Amino acid sequence: MFNINFPEVRSRRIRKNFSVRRIVSEVSLEPRNLIMPLFVKEGVNKPEPIASMPGQYRYPVKGVNKVIAELVESGVSSTVLFGIPKHKDPLGSEAYNEGGVVQRAIREIKKDFSDIIVFTDVCMCQYTDHGHCGIISSRGGRILPDNDATLEYLGKIAVSHAEAGADFVAPSGMIDGMVKSIRSALDKEGFTDVGIMSYSAKYASGFYGPFRDAAYSAPRFGDRRTHQMDPRNSREAVKEILLDINEGADIVMVKPALAYLDVIKTVKEISLLPLAAYSVSGEYSIIKAAAEKGWIDERKIVFEVLTSIKRAGADLILTYYALDVASWIKEGYCPF
């Protein structure tokens, strides 16, 4: 690629000096670039451990500010909220209830921490009794999410989150036209300053298992291949990203992260918008399981994985390790 005659010593003078290595590093992990996912559950009065995600919890609405305070203290300035309601029905009505679990959690957080950036998941899978990401219809003998019928509901959910004080809404269902529909709904109600972080390239991945356990959101029948992306495709991700940009997305996302670093790199090259990548529950739990066995150095692996996501081009990383990483950085830890 480059026709340059490097000195014989090459970069040895830089590599052997750890202080110099740090100042010339091409990417770095910073707490401000991390977004901490949090589960908020209705009907609990203390944090509830998630068995498939050691170290993670389902928080009560009134208890969520304790972990928010820890995030702020560590330097993490953003969270994304996932709600777990008591009541589920075919229309996911609790998702857009102004007194719903996420809506109450937003108000609770903003009451004490006005500066923290609150992203909210806009999807229906945690709220529907069938576990799918939208309204179900039967077409051609197949029971599938009805794309167009779902759009109206996503707009209602987004508006309810904005009314509660969300800074960004994050549609995650990969429903065609979701960004345009949500942008229109928000603008119509006067929420022109509320941003959209779209799960633009979300793959039908096997890495979501622990999340579905945590949020009770596994589909009761079928799967999500009809609207999530084929893991074999990367050019399709470019199309999805460009569609969302044209519809008004403010931040675009690739999900999962670790198995799709090539997609992150490709998207970074074609988009001028901030790019988020979601290091999902399966990525977290795999590391946790190996660390508990004593097979790996957890902190070093986490830094290596998240650095690879930054190196691929992500500006923001959603990770369940956000609080841990920020604390480790604050302690001065750096494995490189």
C-alpha atoms as a PDB file:
ATOM      1  CA  MET A   1       0.000   0.000   0.000  1.00  0.00           C
ATOM      2  CA  PHE A   2       2.818   2.392   0.900  1.00  0.00           C
ATOM      3  CA  ASN A   3       6.169   2.501  -0.876  1.00  0.00           C
ATOM      4  CA  ILE A   4       8.270   3.563   2.096  1.00  0.00           C
ATOM      5  CA  ASN A   5      11.658   2.285   3.235  1.00  0.00           C
ATOM      6  CA  PHE A   6      11.249   2.067   7.001  1.00  0.00           C
ATOM      7  CA  PRO A   7      14.353   2.012   9.209  1.00  0.00           C
ATOM      8  CA  GLU A   8      15.478  -1.432  10.316  1.00  0.00           C
ATOM      9  CA  VAL A   9      14.442  -0.717  13.905  1.00  0.00           C
ATOM     10  CA  ARG A  10      10.863   0.027  12.787  1.00  0.00           C
ATOM     11  CA  SER A  11       8.644   1.017  15.776  1.00  0.00           C
ATOM     12  CA  ARG A  12      10.712  -0.602  18.509  1.00  0.00           C
ATOM     13  CA  ARG A  13      11.572   2.713  20.156  1.00  0.00           C
ATOM     14  CA  ILE A  14       7.861   3.426  20.572  1.00  0.00           C
ATOM     15  CA  ARG A  15       6.713  -0.055  21.529  1.00  0.00           C
ATOM     16  CA  LYS A  16       9.173  -0.568  24.381  1.00  0.00           C
ATOM     17  CA  ASN A  17       8.166   2.646  26.184  1.00  0.00           C
ATOM     18  CA  PHE A  18       4.723   2.165  27.761  1.00  0.00           C
ATOM     19  CA  SER A  19       4.162   5.895  28.288  1.00  0.00           C
ATOM     20  CA  VAL A  20       4.906   6.611  24.641  1.00  0.00           C
ATOM     21  CA  ARG A  21       2.707   3.693  23.547  1.00  0.00           C
ATOM     22  CA  ARG A  22      -0.206   5.295  25.375  1.00  0.00           C
ATOM     23  CA  ILE A  23       0.108   8.756  23.820  1.00  0.00           C
ATOM     24  CA  VAL A  24       0.410   7.394  20.268  1.00  0.00           C
ATOM     25  CA  SER A  25      -2.301   4.732  20.566  1.00  0.00           C
ATOM     26  CA  GLU A  26      -4.698   4.968  17.650  1.00  0.00           C
ATOM     27  CA  VAL A  27      -7.871   4.403  19.693  1.00  0.00           C
ATOM     28  CA  SER A  28      -8.714   4.539  23.378  1.00  0.00           C
ATOM     29  CA  LEU A  29     -11.548   3.499  25.653  1.00  0.00           C
ATOM     30  CA  GLU A  30     -13.175   6.399  27.468  1.00  0.00           C
ATOM     31  CA  PRO A  31     -16.144   6.246  29.843  1.00  0.00           C
ATOM     32  CA  ARG A  32     -17.915   9.020  27.931  1.00  0.00           C
ATOM     33  CA  ASN A  33     -18.153   6.730  24.882  1.00  0.00           C
ATOM     34  CA  LEU A  34     -19.847   3.898  26.800  1.00  0.00           C
ATOM     35  CA  ILE A  35     -23.592   3.387  27.215  1.00  0.00           C
ATOM     36  CA  MET A  36     -24.784   1.182  30.078  1.00  0.00           C
ATOM     37  CA  PRO A  37     -27.875  -0.963  29.419  1.00  0.00           C
ATOM     38  CA  LEU A  38     -30.168  -1.265  32.438  1.00  0.00           C
ATOM     39  CA  PHE A  39     -33.196  -3.483  33.014  1.00  0.00           C
ATOM     40  CA  VAL A  40     -36.017  -1.908  35.014  1.00  0.00           C
ATOM     41  CA  LYS A  41     -38.663  -4.307  36.306  1.00  0.00           C
ATOM     42  CA  GLU A  42     -42.119  -3.585  37.605  1.00  0.00           C
ATOM     43  CA  GLY A  43     -43.188  -5.218  40.866  1.00  0.00           C
ATOM     44  CA  VAL A  44     -39.807  -5.729  42.552  1.00  0.00           C
ATOM     45  CA  ASN A  45     -38.495  -3.770  45.527  1.00  0.00           C
ATOM     46  CA  LYS A  46     -34.809  -4.647  45.320  1.00  0.00           C
ATOM     47  CA  PRO A  47     -32.323  -5.500  42.541  1.00  0.00           C
ATOM     48  CA  GLU A  48     -32.968  -8.979  41.181  1.00  0.00           C
ATOM     49  CA  PRO A  49     -29.877 -10.922  39.960  1.00  0.00           C
ATOM     50  CA  ILE A  50     -29.954 -12.190  36.374  1.00  0.00           C
ATOM     51  CA  ALA A  51     -28.704 -15.775  36.431  1.00  0.00           C
ATOM     52  CA  SER A  52     -27.550 -15.822  32.809  1.00  0.00           C
ATOM     53  CA  MET A  53     -25.730 -12.483  33.175  1.00  0.00           C
ATOM     54  CA  PRO A  54     -23.673 -12.587  36.402  1.00  0.00           C
ATOM     55  CA  GLY A  55     -23.227  -9.121  37.848  1.00  0.00           C
ATOM     56  CA  GLN A  56     -26.321  -7.706  36.110  1.00  0.00           C
ATOM     57  CA  TYR A  57     -29.703  -7.020  37.712  1.00  0.00           C
ATOM     58  CA  ARG A  58     -33.322  -6.189  37.076  1.00  0.00           C
ATOM     59  CA  TYR A  59     -33.764  -2.939  39.017  1.00  0.00           C
ATOM     60  CA  PRO A  60     -36.912  -1.578  40.674  1.00  0.00           C
ATOM     61  CA  VAL A  61     -37.983   1.866  39.488  1.00  0.00           C
ATOM     62  CA  LYS A  62     -37.259   3.379  42.894  1.00  0.00           C
ATOM     63  CA  GLY A  63     -33.845   1.716  43.052  1.00  0.00           C
ATOM     64  CA  VAL A  64     -32.485   2.596  39.637  1.00  0.00           C
ATOM     65  CA  ASN A  65     -30.889   5.858  40.782  1.00  0.00           C
ATOM     66  CA  LYS A  66     -28.413   3.994  42.962  1.00  0.00           C
ATOM     67  CA  VAL A  67     -26.726   2.502  39.902  1.00  0.00           C
ATOM     68  CA  ILE A  68     -27.159   5.778  37.988  1.00  0.00           C
ATOM     69  CA  ALA A  69     -25.183   7.499  40.758  1.00  0.00           C
ATOM     70  CA  GLU A  70     -22.413   4.914  40.335  1.00  0.00           C
ATOM     71  CA  LEU A  71     -22.354   5.531  36.580  1.00  0.00           C
ATOM     72  CA  VAL A  72     -22.082   9.287  37.034  1.00  0.00           C
ATOM     73  CA  GLU A  73     -19.311   8.883  39.610  1.00  0.00           C
ATOM     74  CA  SER A  74     -17.361   6.620  37.244  1.00  0.00           C
ATOM     75  CA  GLY A  75     -17.645   9.006  34.287  1.00  0.00           C
ATOM     76  CA  VAL A  76     -20.270   7.115  32.255  1.00  0.00           C
ATOM     77  CA  SER A  77     -22.815   9.680  31.086  1.00  0.00           C
ATOM     78  CA  SER A  78     -25.342   7.535  29.216  1.00  0.00           C
ATOM     79  CA  THR A  79     -27.732   4.662  29.856  1.00  0.00           C
ATOM     80  CA  VAL A  80     -30.254   2.767  27.731  1.00  0.00           C
ATOM     81  CA  LEU A  81     -33.353   1.492  29.535  1.00  0.00           C
ATOM     82  CA  PHE A  82     -35.222  -1.763  28.936  1.00  0.00           C
ATOM     83  CA  GLY A  83     -38.552  -2.221  30.672  1.00  0.00           C
ATOM     84  CA  ILE A  84     -40.064  -5.402  32.088  1.00  0.00           C
ATOM     85  CA  PRO A  85     -43.776  -4.921  32.842  1.00  0.00           C
ATOM     86  CA  LYS A  86     -46.110  -6.993  35.000  1.00  0.00           C
ATOM     87  CA  HIS A  87     -48.833  -7.056  32.360  1.00  0.00           C
ATOM     88  CA  LYS A  88     -48.375  -8.313  28.802  1.00  0.00           C
ATOM     89  CA  ASP A  89     -50.963  -8.444  26.014  1.00  0.00           C
ATOM     90  CA  PRO A  90     -51.098  -8.871  22.211  1.00  0.00           C
ATOM     91  CA  LEU A  91     -50.731  -5.107  21.629  1.00  0.00           C
ATOM     92  CA  GLY A  92     -47.954  -4.524  24.157  1.00  0.00           C
ATOM     93  CA  SER A  93     -50.055  -1.753  25.695  1.00  0.00           C
ATOM     94  CA  GLU A  94     -47.738  -1.211  28.671  1.00  0.00           C
ATOM     95  CA  ALA A  95     -45.024  -0.100  26.258  1.00  0.00           C
ATOM     96  CA  TYR A  96     -46.853   3.188  25.586  1.00  0.00           C
ATOM     97  CA  ASN A  97     -48.563   3.596  28.957  1.00  0.00           C
ATOM     98  CA  GLU A  98     -47.558   6.990  30.366  1.00  0.00           C
ATOM     99  CA  GLY A  99     -47.352   5.281  33.761  1.00  0.00           C
ATOM    100  CA  GLY A 100     -45.367   2.349  32.415  1.00  0.00           C
ATOM    101  CA  VAL A 101     -42.187   1.020  33.981  1.00  0.00           C
ATOM    102  CA  VAL A 102     -39.775   2.764  31.599  1.00  0.00           C
ATOM    103  CA  GLN A 103     -41.693   6.026  31.663  1.00  0.00           C
ATOM    104  CA  ARG A 104     -41.582   6.079  35.478  1.00  0.00           C
ATOM    105  CA  ALA A 105     -37.889   5.154  35.467  1.00  0.00           C
ATOM    106  CA  ILE A 106     -37.058   8.040  33.124  1.00  0.00           C
ATOM    107  CA  ARG A 107     -38.818  10.505  35.416  1.00  0.00           C
ATOM    108  CA  GLU A 108     -37.066   9.045  38.451  1.00  0.00           C
ATOM    109  CA  ILE A 109     -33.648   9.369  36.819  1.00  0.00           C
ATOM    110  CA  LYS A 110     -34.190  12.857  35.435  1.00  0.00           C
ATOM    111  CA  LYS A 111     -35.464  14.094  38.808  1.00  0.00           C
ATOM    112  CA  ASP A 112     -32.030  13.549  40.383  1.00  0.00           C
ATOM    113  CA  PHE A 113     -29.673  13.331  37.388  1.00  0.00           C
ATOM    114  CA  SER A 114     -30.772  15.822  34.771  1.00  0.00           C
ATOM    115  CA  ASP A 115     -27.464  15.682  32.889  1.00  0.00           C
ATOM    116  CA  ILE A 116     -27.289  11.946  32.278  1.00  0.00           C
ATOM    117  CA  ILE A 117     -28.276  11.023  28.725  1.00  0.00           C
ATOM    118  CA  VAL A 118     -31.201   8.598  28.756  1.00  0.00           C
ATOM    119  CA  PHE A 119     -31.730   6.369  25.733  1.00  0.00           C
ATOM    120  CA  THR A 120     -34.825   4.174  25.739  1.00  0.00           C
ATOM    121  CA  ASP A 121     -35.463   0.945  23.900  1.00  0.00           C
ATOM    122  CA  VAL A 122     -38.473   1.254  21.596  1.00  0.00           C
ATOM    123  CA  CYS A 123     -39.646  -2.259  20.863  1.00  0.00           C
ATOM    124  CA  MET A 124     -42.626  -4.399  21.810  1.00  0.00           C
ATOM    125  CA  CYS A 125     -41.062  -7.804  22.526  1.00  0.00           C
ATOM    126  CA  GLN A 126     -40.876  -7.322  26.314  1.00  0.00           C
ATOM    127  CA  TYR A 127     -44.468  -6.105  26.390  1.00  0.00           C
ATOM    128  CA  THR A 128     -46.349  -8.522  24.111  1.00  0.00           C
ATOM    129  CA  ASP A 129     -47.631 -11.846  25.394  1.00  0.00           C
ATOM    130  CA  HIS A 130     -46.297 -13.551  22.261  1.00  0.00           C
ATOM    131  CA  GLY A 131     -42.789 -12.083  22.553  1.00  0.00           C
ATOM    132  CA  HIS A 132     -42.557 -10.661  19.044  1.00  0.00           C
ATOM    133  CA  CYS A 133     -41.447  -7.144  18.155  1.00  0.00           C
ATOM    134  CA  GLY A 134     -44.757  -5.933  16.795  1.00  0.00           C
ATOM    135  CA  ILE A 135     -48.399  -6.560  16.056  1.00  0.00           C
ATOM    136  CA  ILE A 136     -49.028 -10.108  14.862  1.00  0.00           C
ATOM    137  CA  SER A 137     -51.056 -10.972  11.777  1.00  0.00           C
ATOM    138  CA  SER A 138     -51.661 -14.112   9.724  1.00  0.00           C
ATOM    139  CA  ARG A 139     -50.695 -13.923   6.060  1.00  0.00           C
ATOM    140  CA  GLY A 140     -50.513 -16.838   3.675  1.00  0.00           C
ATOM    141  CA  GLY A 141     -50.928 -19.296   6.509  1.00  0.00           C
ATOM    142  CA  ARG A 142     -47.938 -17.851   8.403  1.00  0.00           C
ATOM    143  CA  ILE A 143     -48.125 -15.921  11.665  1.00  0.00           C
ATOM    144  CA  LEU A 144     -45.777 -12.950  11.351  1.00  0.00           C
ATOM    145  CA  PRO A 145     -45.254  -9.458  12.751  1.00  0.00           C
ATOM    146  CA  ASP A 146     -47.306  -6.976  10.703  1.00  0.00           C
ATOM    147  CA  ASN A 147     -44.739  -4.362   9.711  1.00  0.00           C
ATOM    148  CA  ASP A 148     -47.063  -1.504   8.761  1.00  0.00           C
ATOM    149  CA  ALA A 149     -49.503  -2.009  11.649  1.00  0.00           C
ATOM    150  CA  THR A 150     -46.578  -1.942  14.076  1.00  0.00           C
ATOM    151  CA  LEU A 151     -45.314   1.484  12.974  1.00  0.00           C
ATOM    152  CA  GLU A 152     -48.179   3.367  14.615  1.00  0.00           C
ATOM    153  CA  TYR A 153     -47.463   1.659  17.934  1.00  0.00           C
ATOM    154  CA  LEU A 154     -43.736   2.423  17.771  1.00  0.00           C
ATOM    155  CA  GLY A 155     -44.603   6.093  17.316  1.00  0.00           C
ATOM    156  CA  LYS A 156     -46.847   5.981  20.393  1.00  0.00           C
ATOM    157  CA  ILE A 157     -44.111   4.326  22.460  1.00  0.00           C
ATOM    158  CA  ALA A 158     -41.520   6.905  21.378  1.00  0.00           C
ATOM    159  CA  VAL A 159     -43.790   9.833  22.194  1.00  0.00           C
ATOM    160  CA  SER A 160     -44.554   8.419  25.649  1.00  0.00           C
ATOM    161  CA  HIS A 161     -40.817   8.126  26.340  1.00  0.00           C
ATOM    162  CA  ALA A 162     -40.187  11.661  25.116  1.00  0.00           C
ATOM    163  CA  GLU A 163     -42.983  13.004  27.328  1.00  0.00           C
ATOM    164  CA  ALA A 164     -41.298  11.333  30.306  1.00  0.00           C
ATOM    165  CA  GLY A 165     -37.984  13.037  29.521  1.00  0.00           C
ATOM    166  CA  ALA A 166     -35.959  10.678  27.322  1.00  0.00           C
ATOM    167  CA  ASP A 167     -33.115  12.299  25.385  1.00  0.00           C
ATOM    168  CA  PHE A 168     -32.993   9.610  22.689  1.00  0.00           C
ATOM    169  CA  VAL A 169     -35.361   6.854  21.661  1.00  0.00           C
ATOM    170  CA  ALA A 170     -33.812   3.706  20.237  1.00  0.00           C
ATOM    171  CA  PRO A 171     -36.042   1.607  17.959  1.00  0.00           C
ATOM    172  CA  SER A 172     -34.663  -1.934  17.988  1.00  0.00           C
ATOM    173  CA  GLY A 173     -37.195  -4.088  16.151  1.00  0.00           C
ATOM    174  CA  MET A 174     -35.799  -3.713  12.614  1.00  0.00           C
ATOM    175  CA  ILE A 175     -39.290  -2.800  11.418  1.00  0.00           C
ATOM    176  CA  ASP A 176     -39.175  -1.227   7.943  1.00  0.00           C
ATOM    177  CA  GLY A 177     -39.911   2.495   8.109  1.00  0.00           C
ATOM    178  CA  MET A 178     -39.572   2.699  11.896  1.00  0.00           C
ATOM    179  CA  VAL A 179     -37.265   5.732  11.920  1.00  0.00           C
ATOM    180  CA  LYS A 180     -39.468   7.753   9.578  1.00  0.00           C
ATOM    181  CA  SER A 181     -42.610   6.872  11.508  1.00  0.00           C
ATOM    182  CA  ILE A 182     -41.060   7.682  14.884  1.00  0.00           C
ATOM    183  CA  ARG A 183     -39.530  10.951  13.657  1.00  0.00           C
ATOM    184  CA  SER A 184     -42.896  12.018  12.311  1.00  0.00           C
ATOM    185  CA  ALA A 185     -44.675  11.123  15.569  1.00  0.00           C
ATOM    186  CA  LEU A 186     -42.115  12.947  17.716  1.00  0.00           C
ATOM    187  CA  ASP A 187     -42.145  16.076  15.552  1.00  0.00           C
ATOM    188  CA  LYS A 188     -45.933  16.148  15.443  1.00  0.00           C
ATOM    189  CA  GLU A 189     -46.016  16.280  19.262  1.00  0.00           C
ATOM    190  CA  GLY A 190     -43.312  18.953  19.449  1.00  0.00           C
ATOM    191  CA  PHE A 191     -40.402  16.702  20.463  1.00  0.00           C
ATOM    192  CA  THR A 192     -38.110  17.883  17.682  1.00  0.00           C
ATOM    193  CA  ASP A 193     -35.067  17.822  20.000  1.00  0.00           C
ATOM    194  CA  VAL A 194     -35.469  14.166  20.992  1.00  0.00           C
ATOM    195  CA  GLY A 195     -32.999  12.113  18.946  1.00  0.00           C
ATOM    196  CA  ILE A 196     -33.241   8.677  17.394  1.00  0.00           C
ATOM    197  CA  MET A 197     -30.534   6.048  17.794  1.00  0.00           C
ATOM    198  CA  SER A 198     -31.621   3.350  15.379  1.00  0.00           C
ATOM    199  CA  TYR A 199     -30.720  -0.314  15.578  1.00  0.00           C
ATOM    200  CA  SER A 200     -30.134  -0.035  11.852  1.00  0.00           C
ATOM    201  CA  ALA A 201     -28.208  -3.251  11.174  1.00  0.00           C
ATOM    202  CA  LYS A 202     -29.452  -5.763  13.724  1.00  0.00           C
ATOM    203  CA  TYR A 203     -28.647  -9.354  12.887  1.00  0.00           C
ATOM    204  CA  ALA A 204     -30.688 -12.477  13.668  1.00  0.00           C
ATOM    205  CA  SER A 205     -28.023 -13.616  16.088  1.00  0.00           C
ATOM    206  CA  GLY A 206     -27.538 -16.415  18.583  1.00  0.00           C
ATOM    207  CA  PHE A 207     -25.839 -13.950  20.947  1.00  0.00           C
ATOM    208  CA  TYR A 208     -29.139 -12.590  22.321  1.00  0.00           C
ATOM    209  CA  GLY A 209     -30.032 -15.546  24.551  1.00  0.00           C
ATOM    210  CA  PRO A 210     -29.109 -14.062  27.956  1.00  0.00           C
ATOM    211  CA  PHE A 211     -30.945 -10.816  27.156  1.00  0.00           C
ATOM    212  CA  ARG A 212     -34.129 -12.697  26.324  1.00  0.00           C
ATOM    213  CA  ASP A 213     -33.804 -14.490  29.635  1.00  0.00           C
ATOM    214  CA  ALA A 214     -33.219 -11.192  31.453  1.00  0.00           C
ATOM    215  CA  ALA A 215     -36.146  -9.387  29.809  1.00  0.00           C
ATOM    216  CA  TYR A 216     -38.511 -12.356  29.435  1.00  0.00           C
ATOM    217  CA  SER A 217     -38.701 -11.498  25.740  1.00  0.00           C
ATOM    218  CA  ALA A 218     -38.135 -14.784  23.871  1.00  0.00           C
ATOM    219  CA  PRO A 219     -40.799 -15.324  21.183  1.00  0.00           C
ATOM    220  CA  ARG A 220     -43.373 -17.965  22.155  1.00  0.00           C
ATOM    221  CA  PHE A 221     -43.431 -19.243  18.570  1.00  0.00           C
ATOM    222  CA  GLY A 222     -41.371 -18.738  15.418  1.00  0.00           C
ATOM    223  CA  ASP A 223     -38.303 -16.529  15.365  1.00  0.00           C
ATOM    224  CA  ARG A 224     -37.194 -13.096  14.193  1.00  0.00           C
ATOM    225  CA  ARG A 225     -35.510 -13.942  10.912  1.00  0.00           C
ATOM    226  CA  THR A 226     -38.359 -12.271   9.005  1.00  0.00           C
ATOM    227  CA  HIS A 227     -37.201  -8.816  10.140  1.00  0.00           C
ATOM    228  CA  GLN A 228     -33.673  -9.158  11.555  1.00  0.00           C
ATOM    229  CA  MET A 229     -30.723  -9.419   9.198  1.00  0.00           C
ATOM    230  CA  ASP A 230     -29.080 -12.503   7.735  1.00  0.00           C
ATOM    231  CA  PRO A 231     -25.645 -12.945   9.417  1.00  0.00           C
ATOM    232  CA  ARG A 232     -24.205 -13.866   6.019  1.00  0.00           C
ATOM    233  CA  ASN A 233     -24.841 -10.387   4.589  1.00  0.00           C
ATOM    234  CA  SER A 234     -22.760  -7.247   4.946  1.00  0.00           C
ATOM    235  CA  ARG A 235     -23.784  -5.168   1.904  1.00  0.00           C
ATOM    236  CA  GLU A 236     -27.360  -5.361   3.131  1.00  0.00           C
ATOM    237  CA  ALA A 237     -26.222  -3.533   6.264  1.00  0.00           C
ATOM    238  CA  VAL A 238     -25.114  -0.599   4.124  1.00  0.00           C
ATOM    239  CA  LYS A 239     -28.577  -0.434   2.559  1.00  0.00           C
ATOM    240  CA  GLU A 240     -30.273  -0.531   5.965  1.00  0.00           C
ATOM    241  CA  ILE A 241     -27.981   2.151   7.358  1.00  0.00           C
ATOM    242  CA  LEU A 242     -28.564   4.482   4.402  1.00  0.00           C
ATOM    243  CA  LEU A 243     -32.335   3.996   4.634  1.00  0.00           C
ATOM    244  CA  ASP A 244     -32.311   4.975   8.292  1.00  0.00           C
ATOM    245  CA  ILE A 245     -30.120   7.994   7.619  1.00  0.00           C
ATOM    246  CA  ASN A 246     -32.542   9.163   4.935  1.00  0.00           C
ATOM    247  CA  GLU A 247     -35.462   8.664   7.334  1.00  0.00           C
ATOM    248  CA  GLY A 248     -33.898  10.920   9.978  1.00  0.00           C
ATOM    249  CA  ALA A 249     -31.761   8.805  12.311  1.00  0.00           C
ATOM    250  CA  ASP A 250     -29.290  10.764  14.445  1.00  0.00           C
ATOM    251  CA  ILE A 251     -27.146   7.766  15.455  1.00  0.00           C
ATOM    252  CA  VAL A 252     -26.962   4.428  13.659  1.00  0.00           C
ATOM    253  CA  MET A 253     -26.052   1.083  15.198  1.00  0.00           C
ATOM    254  CA  VAL A 254     -24.643  -2.330  14.355  1.00  0.00           C
ATOM    255  CA  LYS A 255     -25.712  -5.197  16.635  1.00  0.00           C
ATOM    256  CA  PRO A 256     -24.092  -7.503  17.776  1.00  0.00           C
ATOM    257  CA  ALA A 257     -20.563  -6.119  17.773  1.00  0.00           C
ATOM    258  CA  LEU A 258     -17.845  -8.739  18.151  1.00  0.00           C
ATOM    259  CA  ALA A 259     -18.909 -11.081  15.345  1.00  0.00           C
ATOM    260  CA  TYR A 260     -19.647  -8.111  13.055  1.00  0.00           C
ATOM    261  CA  LEU A 261     -16.501  -5.983  13.273  1.00  0.00           C
ATOM    262  CA  ASP A 262     -16.245  -6.019   9.473  1.00  0.00           C
ATOM    263  CA  VAL A 263     -19.743  -4.550   9.240  1.00  0.00           C
ATOM    264  CA  ILE A 264     -18.860  -1.826  11.764  1.00  0.00           C
ATOM    265  CA  LYS A 265     -15.814  -0.928   9.668  1.00  0.00           C
ATOM    266  CA  THR A 266     -17.836  -0.837   6.451  1.00  0.00           C
ATOM    267  CA  VAL A 267     -20.568   1.318   7.974  1.00  0.00           C
ATOM    268  CA  LYS A 268     -18.006   3.742   9.390  1.00  0.00           C
ATOM    269  CA  GLU A 269     -16.657   4.281   5.890  1.00  0.00           C
ATOM    270  CA  ILE A 270     -20.034   5.172   4.359  1.00  0.00           C
ATOM    271  CA  SER A 271     -21.756   7.134   7.137  1.00  0.00           C
ATOM    272  CA  LEU A 272     -21.027  10.541   8.600  1.00  0.00           C
ATOM    273  CA  LEU A 273     -23.370   9.969  11.551  1.00  0.00           C
ATOM    274  CA  PRO A 274     -22.152   8.798  14.953  1.00  0.00           C
ATOM    275  CA  LEU A 275     -21.916   5.005  14.921  1.00  0.00           C
ATOM    276  CA  ALA A 276     -22.905   2.844  17.887  1.00  0.00           C
ATOM    277  CA  ALA A 277     -22.175  -0.843  18.349  1.00  0.00           C
ATOM    278  CA  TYR A 278     -23.916  -3.081  20.865  1.00  0.00           C
ATOM    279  CA  SER A 279     -21.695  -5.584  22.647  1.00  0.00           C
ATOM    280  CA  VAL A 280     -24.625  -7.800  23.473  1.00  0.00           C
ATOM    281  CA  SER A 281     -25.586 -10.082  26.338  1.00  0.00           C
ATOM    282  CA  GLY A 282     -24.048 -13.216  24.840  1.00  0.00           C
ATOM    283  CA  GLU A 283     -20.708 -11.463  24.422  1.00  0.00           C
ATOM    284  CA  TYR A 284     -20.862 -10.390  28.068  1.00  0.00           C
ATOM    285  CA  SER A 285     -21.907 -13.777  29.423  1.00  0.00           C
ATOM    286  CA  ILE A 286     -19.297 -15.722  27.437  1.00  0.00           C
ATOM    287  CA  ILE A 287     -16.536 -13.616  28.986  1.00  0.00           C
ATOM    288  CA  LYS A 288     -18.086 -13.894  32.455  1.00  0.00           C
ATOM    289  CA  ALA A 289     -18.376 -17.679  32.211  1.00  0.00           C
ATOM    290  CA  ALA A 290     -14.769 -18.137  31.079  1.00  0.00           C
ATOM    291  CA  ALA A 291     -13.529 -15.734  33.757  1.00  0.00           C
ATOM    292  CA  GLU A 292     -15.422 -17.596  36.484  1.00  0.00           C
ATOM    293  CA  LYS A 293     -13.685 -20.791  35.345  1.00  0.00           C
ATOM    294  CA  GLY A 294     -10.348 -19.037  35.656  1.00  0.00           C
ATOM    295  CA  TRP A 295      -9.587 -19.601  31.984  1.00  0.00           C
ATOM    296  CA  ILE A 296      -9.047 -15.932  31.071  1.00  0.00           C
ATOM    297  CA  ASP A 297      -8.056 -12.612  32.616  1.00  0.00           C
ATOM    298  CA  GLU A 298     -11.460 -10.896  32.597  1.00  0.00           C
ATOM    299  CA  ARG A 299     -10.284  -7.281  32.666  1.00  0.00           C
ATOM    300  CA  LYS A 300      -7.698  -7.791  29.946  1.00  0.00           C
ATOM    301  CA  ILE A 301     -10.155  -9.608  27.666  1.00  0.00           C
ATOM    302  CA  VAL A 302     -12.829  -6.940  28.169  1.00  0.00           C
ATOM    303  CA  PHE A 303     -10.402  -4.173  27.254  1.00  0.00           C
ATOM    304  CA  GLU A 304      -9.208  -6.105  24.222  1.00  0.00           C
ATOM    305  CA  VAL A 305     -12.740  -6.816  22.985  1.00  0.00           C
ATOM    306  CA  LEU A 306     -14.042  -3.277  23.487  1.00  0.00           C
ATOM    307  CA  THR A 307     -10.893  -1.790  21.963  1.00  0.00           C
ATOM    308  CA  SER A 308     -11.421  -3.951  18.882  1.00  0.00           C
ATOM    309  CA  ILE A 309     -14.929  -2.500  18.554  1.00  0.00           C
ATOM    310  CA  LYS A 310     -13.550   1.043  18.789  1.00  0.00           C
ATOM    311  CA  ARG A 311     -10.780   0.164  16.338  1.00  0.00           C
ATOM    312  CA  ALA A 312     -13.342  -1.112  13.841  1.00  0.00           C
ATOM    313  CA  GLY A 313     -14.978   2.325  13.918  1.00  0.00           C
ATOM    314  CA  ALA A 314     -17.605   2.520  16.665  1.00  0.00           C
ATOM    315  CA  ASP A 315     -17.955   5.931  18.295  1.00  0.00           C
ATOM    316  CA  LEU A 316     -20.254   4.624  21.036  1.00  0.00           C
ATOM    317  CA  ILE A 317     -20.363   1.175  22.619  1.00  0.00           C
ATOM    318  CA  LEU A 318     -23.360  -0.235  24.454  1.00  0.00           C
ATOM    319  CA  THR A 319     -21.871  -2.688  26.911  1.00  0.00           C
ATOM    320  CA  TYR A 320     -22.870  -4.344  30.184  1.00  0.00           C
ATOM    321  CA  TYR A 321     -19.260  -3.795  31.228  1.00  0.00           C
ATOM    322  CA  ALA A 322     -19.593   0.012  31.050  1.00  0.00           C
ATOM    323  CA  LEU A 323     -19.543   0.583  34.813  1.00  0.00           C
ATOM    324  CA  ASP A 324     -16.737  -1.931  35.374  1.00  0.00           C
ATOM    325  CA  VAL A 325     -14.582  -0.540  32.582  1.00  0.00           C
ATOM    326  CA  ALA A 326     -15.036   3.050  33.730  1.00  0.00           C
ATOM    327  CA  SER A 327     -14.078   2.041  37.271  1.00  0.00           C
ATOM    328  CA  TRP A 328     -11.016   0.151  36.048  1.00  0.00           C
ATOM    329  CA  ILE A 329      -9.934   3.145  33.964  1.00  0.00           C
ATOM    330  CA  LYS A 330     -10.389   5.404  36.970  1.00  0.00           C
ATOM    331  CA  GLU A 331      -8.083   3.097  38.942  1.00  0.00           C
ATOM    332  CA  GLY A 332      -5.449   3.548  36.232  1.00  0.00           C
ATOM    333  CA  TYR A 333      -5.740   0.061  34.762  1.00  0.00           C
ATOM    334  CA  CYS A 334      -4.519  -0.415  31.196  1.00  0.00           C
ATOM    335  CA  PRO A 335      -3.466  -3.844  29.918  1.00  0.00           C
ATOM    336  CA  PHE A 336      -1.712  -2.514  26.827  1.00  0.00           C
END
